[in-house]
Amino acid sequence: MEHLLEYASERQKEIIQAVLEHGSNRAAARALGVAHSAVNAAVDRAKMNAARNGMAPEASMTHQTATGFATKRVSTMYKDDGTVGLQWHIQEQDKEAQHAALVAFCEKFEWKPAPKIKHEGRSEADLCTLYTLTDYHMGMYAFRDIGGDDWDTKIATNTALTALKGMISGSPDSKVGILNLQGDFLHYDSLEPKTPTSGHIVDSDSRMEALVDVSVQLIMHCVEMILKKHKDCHVIICEGNHDIVSSLFLRKLVKHVYAKNPRITVDDTSFPYYAYQHGKVMLGFHHGHKKKNTALPGLFASEPRYRRMWGSSDYTYIHTGHYHHQEKDVHEDGGAIVERHPTLAARDSHAARGGYTSLRAAHAITYHKEYGEISRVTVTPSAS
């Protein structure tokens, strides 16, 4: 049983050492003052972990797996005398180890309140500016020979910060700046690079634990840029079809990091339809994966949590994404302007091979509390 010590937890090592010293599981249980079943369970767990790593001598498994991999399948052919003739040892990436690494990252993350940022601009109380990044797909890999442009986490980070800088510099000194991540901010939602609902494998350039790190840093940098320009910052992180779970933990994280900064508010709604009111202006948000644009005015008007906001607003603007291109629908009978935003992200192989095209851009839209939209700034990857 000595080989089990390498694959055992500290408590399991203590129990295995007792078994080796006293000669049996039952004797070890008496010596440790624990139940016999507890010793059996600890030994079995250590054996299972050793087997996952390719080590189970009693079953003729004596080949250690590579770092980060686990045993997927072992096929053994025995000779007539009972010795091993041939053996196929199939390994795969260790999903449990990946999960443990992500958990470890989250556990060691320091949930310290972010430092307060000095407001450097003026403050026009009547104005509110909305900065939208939709379908940003952090973690996606795109290759220019297929989709026309390169894309990875480094390019995405630089593009976002440069674009936001351009939008901020071209916008007025509104009292409120809204950071609107309009869904699909992350390209995938699990330890494996695949979509959460359909399970389609996607092109990725990073591991999830690294993706969490860079995404958190990017969001915090965007918030700080807005705080320097505007007196108040409101953060909306919409659920998308690619980041159903990730959008949730990002909302919670931002809320905790800025918990003690009175200049920042975070929409903590788990409902995938969000809203914000600025004077007589109602702003609604939905990624676009659940409802079509034409159905959104009726949804926001009838949704109990938003009825008062809808009724007290003279102007209603609903923002969506999802299809990666711009589309503006004015529904006079619906009582709202529904706008689908374009994306700054490049095309991956799936979009390119499917023939999906879009003009890459992002908008900063400024609203007056009495008169609705009064101006907008558009940036593109080439201009930003």
Protein backbone atom coordinates (compact mmCIF):
# COMPACT_ATOMS: atom_id res chain seq x y z
CA MET A 1 0.00 0.00 0.00
CA GLU A 2 3.00 2.32 0.14
CA HIS A 3 2.30 3.63 -3.36
CA LEU A 4 -1.02 5.09 -2.13
CA LEU A 5 0.76 7.65 0.06
CA GLU A 6 1.67 9.73 -3.00
CA TYR A 7 -1.99 10.06 -3.97
CA ALA A 8 -3.55 10.47 -0.53
CA SER A 9 -4.69 13.54 1.41
CA GLU A 10 -3.02 14.29 4.74
CA ARG A 11 -5.76 12.49 6.68
CA GLN A 12 -5.69 9.55 4.28
CA LYS A 13 -1.91 9.33 4.69
CA GLU A 14 -2.33 9.15 8.45
CA ILE A 15 -4.80 6.28 8.10
CA ILE A 16 -2.71 4.39 5.52
CA GLN A 17 0.38 4.71 7.73
CA ALA A 18 -1.64 3.19 10.58
CA VAL A 19 -2.74 0.29 8.34
CA LEU A 20 0.87 -0.35 7.32
CA GLU A 21 2.01 -0.19 10.93
CA HIS A 22 -0.74 -2.34 12.46
CA GLY A 23 -1.22 -4.81 9.62
CA SER A 24 -4.93 -4.41 8.82
CA ASN A 25 -7.72 -1.89 8.40
CA ARG A 26 -9.49 -3.13 11.52
CA ALA A 27 -6.36 -2.89 13.67
CA ALA A 28 -5.66 0.60 12.33
CA ALA A 29 -9.22 1.66 13.22
CA ARG A 30 -8.74 0.47 16.82
CA ALA A 31 -5.40 2.28 17.08
CA LEU A 32 -6.82 5.54 15.73
CA GLY A 33 -10.08 5.29 17.64
CA VAL A 34 -12.25 5.58 14.52
CA ALA A 35 -14.85 3.37 12.87
CA HIS A 36 -13.66 0.48 10.71
CA SER A 37 -15.78 1.83 7.85
CA ALA A 38 -13.96 5.19 8.03
CA VAL A 39 -10.62 3.45 7.49
CA ASN A 40 -12.03 1.43 4.58
CA ALA A 41 -13.44 4.57 2.96
CA ALA A 42 -10.17 6.50 3.30
CA VAL A 43 -8.16 3.65 1.77
CA ASP A 44 -10.67 3.26 -1.08
CA ARG A 45 -10.56 6.99 -1.90
CA ALA A 46 -6.77 6.90 -2.02
CA LYS A 47 -6.90 3.83 -4.28
CA MET A 48 -9.34 5.56 -6.65
CA ASN A 49 -7.14 8.63 -6.87
CA ALA A 50 -4.08 6.46 -7.52
CA ALA A 51 -5.95 4.56 -10.24
CA ARG A 52 -7.01 7.83 -11.89
CA ASN A 53 -3.29 8.58 -12.08
CA GLY A 54 -2.54 5.18 -13.63
CA MET A 55 -1.31 3.40 -10.51
CA ALA A 56 -3.17 0.24 -9.41
CA PRO A 57 -0.55 -2.57 -9.20
CA GLU A 58 -3.16 -5.11 -8.07
CA ALA A 59 -4.85 -4.59 -11.45
CA SER A 60 -1.61 -4.52 -13.48
CA MET A 61 -1.72 -0.70 -13.82
CA THR A 62 1.79 0.55 -13.17
CA HIS A 63 2.19 3.54 -15.50
CA GLN A 64 1.87 7.04 -14.05
CA THR A 65 -0.24 9.43 -16.13
CA ALA A 66 1.22 12.70 -17.41
CA THR A 67 0.80 15.83 -15.30
CA GLY A 68 -2.70 17.23 -15.74
CA PHE A 69 -4.05 14.00 -17.21
CA ALA A 70 -6.10 11.14 -15.78
CA THR A 71 -6.76 7.54 -16.81
CA LYS A 72 -9.67 7.35 -19.24
CA ARG A 73 -9.55 3.67 -20.18
CA VAL A 74 -7.21 0.70 -19.72
CA SER A 75 -7.36 -2.46 -21.83
CA THR A 76 -5.13 -5.35 -20.77
CA MET A 77 -4.44 -8.63 -22.59
CA TYR A 78 -3.06 -11.37 -20.33
CA LYS A 79 -0.92 -14.33 -21.36
CA ASP A 80 -1.83 -17.89 -20.43
CA ASP A 81 0.43 -17.72 -17.40
CA GLY A 82 -1.45 -14.64 -16.09
CA THR A 83 1.23 -12.07 -16.92
CA VAL A 84 0.50 -8.98 -18.98
CA GLY A 85 0.93 -9.43 -22.70
CA LEU A 86 -0.28 -6.08 -24.03
CA GLN A 87 -1.83 -3.05 -22.40
CA TRP A 88 -3.46 0.07 -23.82
CA HIS A 89 -3.56 2.97 -21.37
CA ILE A 90 -5.70 5.85 -22.67
CA GLN A 91 -5.27 9.21 -20.92
CA GLU A 92 -7.33 12.41 -21.07
CA GLN A 93 -7.13 15.82 -19.45
CA ASP A 94 -8.04 15.63 -15.78
CA LYS A 95 -11.31 17.59 -15.48
CA GLU A 96 -11.33 17.25 -11.70
CA ALA A 97 -7.86 18.78 -11.53
CA GLN A 98 -9.00 21.66 -13.76
CA HIS A 99 -12.01 22.23 -11.54
CA ALA A 100 -9.81 22.14 -8.43
CA ALA A 101 -7.50 24.73 -9.99
CA LEU A 102 -10.43 27.06 -10.73
CA VAL A 103 -11.79 26.64 -7.20
CA ALA A 104 -8.33 27.34 -5.78
CA PHE A 105 -8.09 30.51 -7.85
CA CYS A 106 -11.47 31.75 -6.60
CA GLU A 107 -10.64 30.87 -2.99
CA LYS A 108 -7.34 32.78 -3.00
CA PHE A 109 -8.83 35.83 -4.75
CA GLU A 110 -8.60 38.74 -2.33
CA TRP A 111 -12.05 40.28 -1.94
CA LYS A 112 -10.69 43.65 -0.94
CA PRO A 113 -12.74 46.77 -1.70
CA ALA A 114 -11.30 48.50 -4.75
CA PRO A 115 -9.59 51.86 -4.16
CA LYS A 116 -11.71 54.94 -4.66
CA ILE A 117 -11.10 56.68 -7.97
CA LYS A 118 -10.95 60.45 -8.21
CA HIS A 119 -13.58 62.04 -10.43
CA GLU A 120 -11.70 64.22 -12.92
CA GLY A 121 -14.51 65.64 -15.06
CA ARG A 122 -17.48 67.91 -14.57
CA SER A 123 -20.94 66.57 -13.83
CA GLU A 124 -23.90 67.37 -16.06
CA ALA A 125 -26.76 66.06 -13.93
CA ASP A 126 -29.26 65.91 -16.81
CA LEU A 127 -27.15 63.50 -18.83
CA CYS A 128 -26.44 59.76 -18.74
CA THR A 129 -24.03 58.00 -21.11
CA LEU A 130 -24.34 54.31 -21.98
CA TYR A 131 -21.19 52.39 -23.01
CA THR A 132 -22.05 49.04 -24.61
CA LEU A 133 -19.80 46.08 -25.36
CA THR A 134 -21.80 43.14 -26.65
CA ASP A 135 -20.84 39.65 -27.78
CA TYR A 136 -17.26 40.33 -26.83
CA HIS A 137 -16.35 36.62 -26.54
CA MET A 138 -13.31 36.91 -24.29
CA GLY A 139 -11.35 33.68 -24.61
CA MET A 140 -12.22 33.17 -28.28
CA TYR A 141 -9.51 32.47 -30.82
CA ALA A 142 -9.88 33.77 -34.38
CA PHE A 143 -7.41 33.53 -37.24
CA ARG A 144 -7.31 36.17 -39.97
CA ASP A 145 -6.83 33.59 -42.77
CA ILE A 146 -10.28 32.18 -41.93
CA GLY A 147 -12.36 34.99 -40.44
CA GLY A 148 -10.50 38.04 -41.72
CA ASP A 149 -9.05 39.25 -38.39
CA ASP A 150 -7.09 37.83 -35.47
CA TRP A 151 -8.63 37.62 -31.99
CA ASP A 152 -7.39 36.38 -28.64
CA THR A 153 -7.52 37.58 -25.03
CA LYS A 154 -4.64 40.03 -25.50
CA ILE A 155 -6.17 41.57 -28.64
CA ALA A 156 -9.61 41.63 -27.00
CA THR A 157 -8.29 43.41 -23.91
CA ASN A 158 -6.42 46.05 -25.89
CA THR A 159 -9.37 46.58 -28.24
CA ALA A 160 -11.84 47.05 -25.38
CA LEU A 161 -9.69 49.55 -23.49
CA THR A 162 -8.84 51.55 -26.61
CA ALA A 163 -12.47 51.57 -27.75
CA LEU A 164 -13.74 52.66 -24.34
CA LYS A 165 -11.13 55.41 -24.21
CA GLY A 166 -12.36 56.69 -27.56
CA MET A 167 -16.00 56.56 -26.52
CA ILE A 168 -15.30 58.32 -23.22
CA SER A 169 -13.26 61.11 -24.81
CA GLY A 170 -16.00 61.80 -27.36
CA SER A 171 -18.89 61.79 -24.87
CA PRO A 172 -20.08 64.68 -22.66
CA ASP A 173 -19.40 64.86 -18.92
CA SER A 174 -22.61 63.09 -17.98
CA LYS A 175 -23.31 62.59 -14.31
CA VAL A 176 -23.87 58.86 -14.86
CA GLY A 177 -21.80 56.49 -16.98
CA ILE A 178 -23.23 53.00 -17.55
CA LEU A 179 -20.96 50.07 -18.40
CA ASN A 180 -23.20 47.68 -20.29
CA LEU A 181 -21.72 44.25 -21.03
CA GLN A 182 -24.59 43.09 -23.24
CA GLY A 183 -24.14 39.32 -22.91
CA ASP A 184 -21.62 36.77 -24.22
CA PHE A 185 -18.80 38.71 -22.63
CA LEU A 186 -17.06 35.32 -22.21
CA HIS A 187 -16.84 32.89 -25.10
CA TYR A 188 -17.50 29.74 -23.06
CA ASP A 189 -18.82 28.87 -19.64
CA SER A 190 -17.03 25.82 -18.24
CA LEU A 191 -13.66 24.12 -17.89
CA GLU A 192 -14.16 22.80 -21.41
CA PRO A 193 -14.36 25.25 -24.34
CA LYS A 194 -17.94 24.60 -25.36
CA THR A 195 -21.29 26.37 -25.31
CA PRO A 196 -23.35 25.73 -22.15
CA THR A 197 -26.65 24.76 -23.80
CA SER A 198 -25.79 22.98 -27.06
CA GLY A 199 -22.36 21.70 -26.04
CA HIS A 200 -20.72 22.86 -29.27
CA ILE A 201 -16.92 22.96 -29.12
CA VAL A 202 -15.62 26.50 -29.69
CA ASP A 203 -12.25 27.93 -30.69
CA SER A 204 -10.49 29.11 -27.53
CA ASP A 205 -7.11 30.56 -26.69
CA SER A 206 -7.09 30.21 -22.91
CA ARG A 207 -7.92 28.05 -19.89
CA MET A 208 -10.95 29.03 -17.82
CA GLU A 209 -8.92 29.99 -14.74
CA ALA A 210 -6.82 32.38 -16.87
CA LEU A 211 -9.95 33.67 -18.58
CA VAL A 212 -11.52 34.50 -15.22
CA ASP A 213 -8.41 36.43 -14.22
CA VAL A 214 -8.13 38.55 -17.38
CA SER A 215 -11.89 39.22 -17.52
CA VAL A 216 -12.01 40.48 -13.94
CA GLN A 217 -9.05 42.77 -14.55
CA LEU A 218 -10.58 44.14 -17.76
CA ILE A 219 -13.93 44.91 -16.12
CA MET A 220 -12.25 46.67 -13.20
CA HIS A 221 -10.13 48.72 -15.58
CA CYS A 222 -13.26 49.76 -17.54
CA VAL A 223 -15.05 50.76 -14.33
CA GLU A 224 -12.10 52.88 -13.23
CA MET A 225 -11.98 54.66 -16.61
CA ILE A 226 -15.68 55.50 -16.33
CA LEU A 227 -15.29 56.71 -12.74
CA LYS A 228 -12.65 59.21 -13.82
CA LYS A 229 -15.03 60.66 -16.41
CA HIS A 230 -18.38 60.41 -14.65
CA LYS A 231 -19.48 61.09 -11.10
CA ASP A 232 -21.40 57.80 -10.87
CA CYS A 233 -20.98 54.43 -12.58
CA HIS A 234 -23.70 51.82 -13.03
CA VAL A 235 -22.63 48.32 -14.12
CA ILE A 236 -24.87 45.91 -16.05
CA ILE A 237 -23.56 42.45 -16.95
CA CYS A 238 -26.21 40.71 -19.02
CA GLU A 239 -26.62 36.96 -19.25
CA GLY A 240 -25.74 35.61 -22.69
CA ASN A 241 -26.16 32.20 -24.26
CA HIS A 242 -22.38 31.64 -24.07
CA ASP A 243 -21.88 32.81 -20.46
CA ILE A 244 -24.98 31.90 -18.46
CA VAL A 245 -23.03 31.05 -15.30
CA SER A 246 -20.00 33.31 -15.87
CA SER A 247 -22.15 36.44 -16.17
CA LEU A 248 -23.67 35.57 -12.81
CA PHE A 249 -20.37 35.26 -10.94
CA LEU A 250 -19.01 38.38 -12.64
CA ARG A 251 -22.02 40.37 -11.39
CA LYS A 252 -21.47 39.09 -7.86
CA LEU A 253 -17.74 39.72 -8.01
CA VAL A 254 -18.07 43.32 -9.19
CA LYS A 255 -20.71 43.94 -6.54
CA HIS A 256 -18.38 42.71 -3.76
CA VAL A 257 -15.24 44.44 -5.05
CA TYR A 258 -16.98 47.83 -5.19
CA ALA A 259 -19.26 47.29 -2.18
CA LYS A 260 -17.80 50.24 -0.25
CA ASN A 261 -17.65 52.69 -3.13
CA PRO A 262 -20.85 54.82 -3.11
CA ARG A 263 -20.19 56.02 -6.65
CA ILE A 264 -20.77 52.55 -8.10
CA THR A 265 -23.98 50.55 -8.39
CA VAL A 266 -24.30 47.06 -9.87
CA ASP A 267 -27.44 45.51 -11.35
CA ASP A 268 -27.57 42.24 -9.42
CA THR A 269 -30.66 40.93 -11.21
CA SER A 270 -30.60 37.21 -12.06
CA PHE A 271 -33.62 37.70 -14.35
CA PRO A 272 -32.18 38.00 -17.91
CA TYR A 273 -34.00 41.31 -18.53
CA TYR A 274 -32.51 44.43 -16.95
CA ALA A 275 -33.56 48.07 -16.70
CA TYR A 276 -32.32 51.47 -15.56
CA GLN A 277 -34.21 54.77 -15.29
CA HIS A 278 -32.74 58.21 -15.89
CA GLY A 279 -35.39 60.86 -15.34
CA LYS A 280 -38.10 60.24 -17.93
CA VAL A 281 -35.90 57.79 -19.83
CA MET A 282 -36.14 54.02 -19.35
CA LEU A 283 -33.30 51.85 -20.60
CA GLY A 284 -34.00 48.14 -21.00
CA PHE A 285 -31.43 45.43 -21.64
CA HIS A 286 -31.57 41.83 -22.88
CA HIS A 287 -28.92 39.84 -24.73
CA GLY A 288 -31.42 38.69 -27.35
CA HIS A 289 -31.15 34.94 -26.90
CA LYS A 290 -34.52 34.49 -25.19
CA LYS A 291 -36.86 36.96 -26.90
CA LYS A 292 -37.00 38.58 -30.32
CA ASN A 293 -36.70 42.34 -30.56
CA THR A 294 -40.34 42.72 -31.54
CA ALA A 295 -41.48 41.00 -28.31
CA LEU A 296 -39.37 43.05 -25.91
CA PRO A 297 -41.54 46.21 -25.57
CA GLY A 298 -44.49 44.10 -24.47
CA LEU A 299 -42.33 42.12 -22.07
CA PHE A 300 -40.87 45.17 -20.32
CA ALA A 301 -44.26 46.91 -20.21
CA SER A 302 -45.97 43.92 -18.60
CA GLU A 303 -43.17 42.67 -16.33
CA PRO A 304 -44.29 43.47 -12.73
CA ARG A 305 -40.87 44.68 -11.57
CA TYR A 306 -40.69 47.24 -14.40
CA ARG A 307 -44.30 48.44 -14.76
CA ARG A 308 -43.84 51.60 -12.69
CA MET A 309 -40.63 52.46 -14.50
CA TRP A 310 -42.34 51.97 -17.87
CA GLY A 311 -45.35 54.05 -16.82
CA SER A 312 -43.28 56.97 -15.54
CA SER A 313 -41.02 57.19 -18.61
CA ASP A 314 -41.64 59.28 -21.73
CA TYR A 315 -38.89 57.51 -23.65
CA THR A 316 -38.00 53.83 -23.60
CA TYR A 317 -34.93 52.38 -25.30
CA ILE A 318 -34.27 48.63 -25.25
CA HIS A 319 -30.79 47.33 -26.08
CA THR A 320 -29.91 43.83 -27.36
CA GLY A 321 -27.05 41.98 -29.02
CA HIS A 322 -26.65 38.28 -29.88
CA TYR A 323 -26.54 38.53 -33.69
CA HIS A 324 -23.28 40.51 -33.88
CA HIS A 325 -24.64 43.18 -36.22
CA GLN A 326 -26.52 46.42 -35.78
CA GLU A 327 -30.25 46.66 -36.22
CA LYS A 328 -32.56 49.44 -35.11
CA ASP A 329 -36.33 48.88 -34.97
CA VAL A 330 -38.76 51.61 -34.06
CA HIS A 331 -42.07 50.16 -32.87
CA GLU A 332 -44.54 53.00 -32.53
CA ASP A 333 -47.27 50.68 -31.28
CA GLY A 334 -44.91 49.03 -28.81
CA GLY A 335 -43.87 52.32 -27.25
CA ALA A 336 -40.11 51.67 -27.36
CA ILE A 337 -37.08 51.88 -29.61
CA VAL A 338 -35.34 48.51 -29.73
CA GLU A 339 -31.72 48.58 -30.89
CA ARG A 340 -29.45 45.64 -31.58
CA HIS A 341 -25.80 46.53 -31.09
CA PRO A 342 -22.87 45.38 -33.24
CA THR A 343 -19.79 43.71 -31.79
CA LEU A 344 -16.15 44.72 -31.80
CA ALA A 345 -15.04 41.07 -31.78
CA ALA A 346 -13.62 39.31 -34.81
CA ARG A 347 -15.25 36.28 -36.45
CA ASP A 348 -14.27 32.80 -35.35
CA SER A 349 -14.23 29.86 -37.76
CA HIS A 350 -17.87 28.98 -36.98
CA ALA A 351 -19.10 32.44 -38.01
CA ALA A 352 -16.79 32.63 -41.01
CA ARG A 353 -17.68 29.21 -42.36
CA GLY A 354 -21.37 29.94 -41.82
CA GLY A 355 -21.09 33.08 -43.91
CA TYR A 356 -22.05 35.43 -41.07
CA THR A 357 -20.76 38.95 -41.60
CA SER A 358 -21.04 42.17 -39.61
CA LEU A 359 -19.46 45.60 -39.42
CA ARG A 360 -17.50 45.71 -36.16
CA ALA A 361 -18.30 48.67 -33.93
CA ALA A 362 -19.42 49.85 -30.49
CA HIS A 363 -21.54 52.81 -29.42
CA ALA A 364 -21.62 55.28 -26.55
CA ILE A 365 -25.10 56.84 -26.39
CA THR A 366 -25.94 59.88 -24.27
CA TYR A 367 -29.46 60.49 -22.97
CA HIS A 368 -31.02 63.63 -21.53
CA LYS A 369 -33.39 62.95 -18.65
CA GLU A 370 -36.14 65.03 -20.31
CA TYR A 371 -35.55 64.55 -24.05
CA GLY A 372 -34.14 61.06 -24.56
CA GLU A 373 -31.16 60.34 -26.82
CA ILE A 374 -29.19 63.46 -27.75
CA SER A 375 -25.88 62.15 -29.09
CA ARG A 376 -23.75 59.10 -29.76
CA VAL A 377 -20.15 58.17 -30.41
CA THR A 378 -19.24 55.19 -32.61
CA VAL A 379 -15.87 53.47 -32.55
CA THR A 380 -14.49 50.66 -34.71
CA PRO A 381 -11.43 48.42 -34.22
CA SER A 382 -9.49 50.34 -36.88
CA ALA A 383 -10.46 53.73 -35.51
CA SER A 384 -10.17 52.88 -31.82
